[in-house]
């Protein structure tokens, strides 16, 4: 017998909401990193300032990629949950529907 996987749609929806919120927070962090890059460059000056600014910019870009991926996973979970719930509701309707009448 094949092992099965059991998933609670409510739990999956909650996970999707948390991932979506995380994606938003990460987007804000990415903006903060990029805006800090200029401040670092100005404050430190010279080669050190340029490098610190470049690192802050690169870090912001990395955080943005993680945010986009988290948002994509959240959207996929929402889509899968909605699709499964639709199929489940259709199955329930079919099971409770009156059987077709035979023509005589």
C-alpha atoms as a PDB file:
ATOM      1  CA  UNK A   1       0.000   0.000   0.000  1.00  0.00           C
ATOM      2  CA  UNK A   2       1.280   3.449  -0.943  1.00  0.00           C
ATOM      3  CA  UNK A   3       1.843   5.854   1.950  1.00  0.00           C
ATOM      4  CA  UNK A   4      -0.523   8.823   1.882  1.00  0.00           C
ATOM      5  CA  UNK A   5      -0.131  12.446   2.733  1.00  0.00           C
ATOM      6  CA  UNK A   6      -2.711  14.224   4.811  1.00  0.00           C
ATOM      7  CA  UNK A   7      -2.867  18.015   4.807  1.00  0.00           C
ATOM      8  CA  UNK A   8      -5.239  20.326   6.626  1.00  0.00           C
ATOM      9  CA  UNK A   9      -6.492  22.999   4.224  1.00  0.00           C
ATOM     10  CA  UNK A  10      -6.854  25.459   7.103  1.00  0.00           C
ATOM     11  CA  UNK A  11      -3.248  24.873   8.176  1.00  0.00           C
ATOM     12  CA  UNK A  12      -2.055  25.219   4.595  1.00  0.00           C
ATOM     13  CA  UNK A  13      -3.972  28.476   4.239  1.00  0.00           C
ATOM     14  CA  UNK A  14      -2.421  29.761   7.473  1.00  0.00           C
ATOM     15  CA  UNK A  15       1.044  28.851   6.191  1.00  0.00           C
ATOM     16  CA  UNK A  16       0.353  30.690   2.940  1.00  0.00           C
ATOM     17  CA  UNK A  17      -0.742  33.784   4.885  1.00  0.00           C
ATOM     18  CA  UNK A  18       2.406  33.680   7.010  1.00  0.00           C
ATOM     19  CA  UNK A  19       4.608  33.322   3.938  1.00  0.00           C
ATOM     20  CA  UNK A  20       2.835  36.210   2.262  1.00  0.00           C
ATOM     21  CA  UNK A  21       3.363  38.403   5.337  1.00  0.00           C
ATOM     22  CA  UNK A  22       7.014  37.352   5.466  1.00  0.00           C
ATOM     23  CA  UNK A  23       7.426  38.276   1.803  1.00  0.00           C
ATOM     24  CA  UNK A  24       6.077  41.754   2.538  1.00  0.00           C
ATOM     25  CA  UNK A  25       8.426  42.198   5.492  1.00  0.00           C
ATOM     26  CA  UNK A  26      11.375  41.035   3.418  1.00  0.00           C
ATOM     27  CA  UNK A  27      10.490  43.486   0.636  1.00  0.00           C
ATOM     28  CA  UNK A  28      10.576  46.295   3.204  1.00  0.00           C
ATOM     29  CA  UNK A  29      13.933  45.043   4.510  1.00  0.00           C
ATOM     30  CA  UNK A  30      15.320  44.997   0.977  1.00  0.00           C
ATOM     31  CA  UNK A  31      14.292  48.640   0.492  1.00  0.00           C
ATOM     32  CA  UNK A  32      15.913  49.546   3.817  1.00  0.00           C
ATOM     33  CA  UNK A  33      19.172  47.839   2.831  1.00  0.00           C
ATOM     34  CA  UNK A  34      19.301  49.623  -0.508  1.00  0.00           C
ATOM     35  CA  UNK A  35      18.542  53.017   1.015  1.00  0.00           C
ATOM     36  CA  UNK A  36      21.222  52.462   3.682  1.00  0.00           C
ATOM     37  CA  UNK A  37      23.796  51.783   0.968  1.00  0.00           C
ATOM     38  CA  UNK A  38      24.068  55.455   0.056  1.00  0.00           C
ATOM     39  CA  UNK A  39      24.352  56.473   3.696  1.00  0.00           C
ATOM     40  CA  UNK A  40      27.145  54.008   4.300  1.00  0.00           C
ATOM     41  CA  UNK A  41      29.036  55.190   1.259  1.00  0.00           C
ATOM     42  CA  UNK A  42      28.752  58.825   2.352  1.00  0.00           C
ATOM     43  CA  UNK A  43      29.511  58.180   6.014  1.00  0.00           C
ATOM     44  CA  UNK A  44      32.571  56.052   5.473  1.00  0.00           C
ATOM     45  CA  UNK A  45      33.889  57.636   2.287  1.00  0.00           C
ATOM     46  CA  UNK A  46      36.629  56.289   0.093  1.00  0.00           C
ATOM     47  CA  UNK A  47      37.081  52.677  -0.841  1.00  0.00           C
ATOM     48  CA  UNK A  48      35.615  51.436   2.459  1.00  0.00           C
ATOM     49  CA  UNK A  49      32.449  53.451   1.906  1.00  0.00           C
ATOM     50  CA  UNK A  50      32.102  52.204  -1.657  1.00  0.00           C
ATOM     51  CA  UNK A  51      32.526  48.581  -0.520  1.00  0.00           C
ATOM     52  CA  UNK A  52      30.085  48.932   2.381  1.00  0.00           C
ATOM     53  CA  UNK A  53      27.553  50.514   0.030  1.00  0.00           C
ATOM     54  CA  UNK A  54      28.045  47.740  -2.519  1.00  0.00           C
ATOM     55  CA  UNK A  55      27.563  45.074   0.155  1.00  0.00           C
ATOM     56  CA  UNK A  56      24.375  46.758   1.408  1.00  0.00           C
ATOM     57  CA  UNK A  57      23.066  46.972  -2.168  1.00  0.00           C
ATOM     58  CA  UNK A  58      23.904  43.317  -2.860  1.00  0.00           C
ATOM     59  CA  UNK A  59      22.333  42.248   0.441  1.00  0.00           C
ATOM     60  CA  UNK A  60      19.182  44.173  -0.439  1.00  0.00           C
ATOM     61  CA  UNK A  61      19.038  42.409  -3.798  1.00  0.00           C
ATOM     62  CA  UNK A  62      19.444  39.009  -2.145  1.00  0.00           C
ATOM     63  CA  UNK A  63      16.704  39.767   0.375  1.00  0.00           C
ATOM     64  CA  UNK A  64      14.437  40.860  -2.480  1.00  0.00           C
ATOM     65  CA  UNK A  65      14.979  37.535  -4.271  1.00  0.00           C
ATOM     66  CA  UNK A  66      14.066  35.629  -1.089  1.00  0.00           C
ATOM     67  CA  UNK A  67      10.978  37.840  -0.706  1.00  0.00           C
ATOM     68  CA  UNK A  68       9.888  37.116  -4.282  1.00  0.00           C
ATOM     69  CA  UNK A  69      10.355  33.380  -3.775  1.00  0.00           C
ATOM     70  CA  UNK A  70       8.397  33.427  -0.500  1.00  0.00           C
ATOM     71  CA  UNK A  71       5.601  35.307  -2.263  1.00  0.00           C
ATOM     72  CA  UNK A  72       5.610  32.792  -5.106  1.00  0.00           C
ATOM     73  CA  UNK A  73       5.397  29.836  -2.699  1.00  0.00           C
ATOM     74  CA  UNK A  74       2.546  31.568  -0.846  1.00  0.00           C
ATOM     75  CA  UNK A  75       0.649  32.127  -4.105  1.00  0.00           C
ATOM     76  CA  UNK A  76       1.204  28.501  -5.108  1.00  0.00           C
ATOM     77  CA  UNK A  77      -0.116  27.262  -1.757  1.00  0.00           C
ATOM     78  CA  UNK A  78      -3.198  29.483  -2.057  1.00  0.00           C
ATOM     79  CA  UNK A  79      -3.837  28.226  -5.585  1.00  0.00           C
ATOM     80  CA  UNK A  80      -3.393  24.587  -4.593  1.00  0.00           C
ATOM     81  CA  UNK A  81      -5.603  24.996  -1.518  1.00  0.00           C
ATOM     82  CA  UNK A  82      -8.350  26.734  -3.503  1.00  0.00           C
ATOM     83  CA  UNK A  83      -8.190  24.109  -6.244  1.00  0.00           C
ATOM     84  CA  UNK A  84      -8.365  21.227  -3.800  1.00  0.00           C
ATOM     85  CA  UNK A  85     -11.258  22.844  -1.909  1.00  0.00           C
ATOM     86  CA  UNK A  86     -13.158  23.308  -5.205  1.00  0.00           C
ATOM     87  CA  UNK A  87     -12.664  19.665  -6.189  1.00  0.00           C
ATOM     88  CA  UNK A  88     -13.619  18.519  -2.697  1.00  0.00           C
ATOM     89  CA  UNK A  89     -16.819  20.615  -2.776  1.00  0.00           C
ATOM     90  CA  UNK A  90     -17.731  19.222  -6.208  1.00  0.00           C
ATOM     91  CA  UNK A  91     -17.182  15.686  -4.959  1.00  0.00           C
ATOM     92  CA  UNK A  92     -19.370  16.358  -1.922  1.00  0.00           C
ATOM     93  CA  UNK A  93     -22.136  17.739  -4.168  1.00  0.00           C
ATOM     94  CA  UNK A  94     -21.936  14.673  -6.395  1.00  0.00           C
ATOM     95  CA  UNK A  95     -22.183  12.339  -3.412  1.00  0.00           C
ATOM     96  CA  UNK A  96     -25.239  14.080  -1.987  1.00  0.00           C
ATOM     97  CA  UNK A  97     -27.059  14.647  -5.297  1.00  0.00           C
ATOM     98  CA  UNK A  98     -30.133  12.596  -6.135  1.00  0.00           C
ATOM     99  CA  UNK A  99     -29.327   9.630  -8.362  1.00  0.00           C
ATOM    100  CA  UNK A 100     -30.387  10.019 -11.996  1.00  0.00           C
ATOM    101  CA  UNK A 101     -33.797   8.589 -12.834  1.00  0.00           C
ATOM    102  CA  UNK A 102     -34.066   5.790 -15.340  1.00  0.00           C
ATOM    103  CA  UNK A 103     -36.248   6.251 -18.340  1.00  0.00           C
ATOM    104  CA  UNK A 104     -38.784   3.459 -18.903  1.00  0.00           C
END
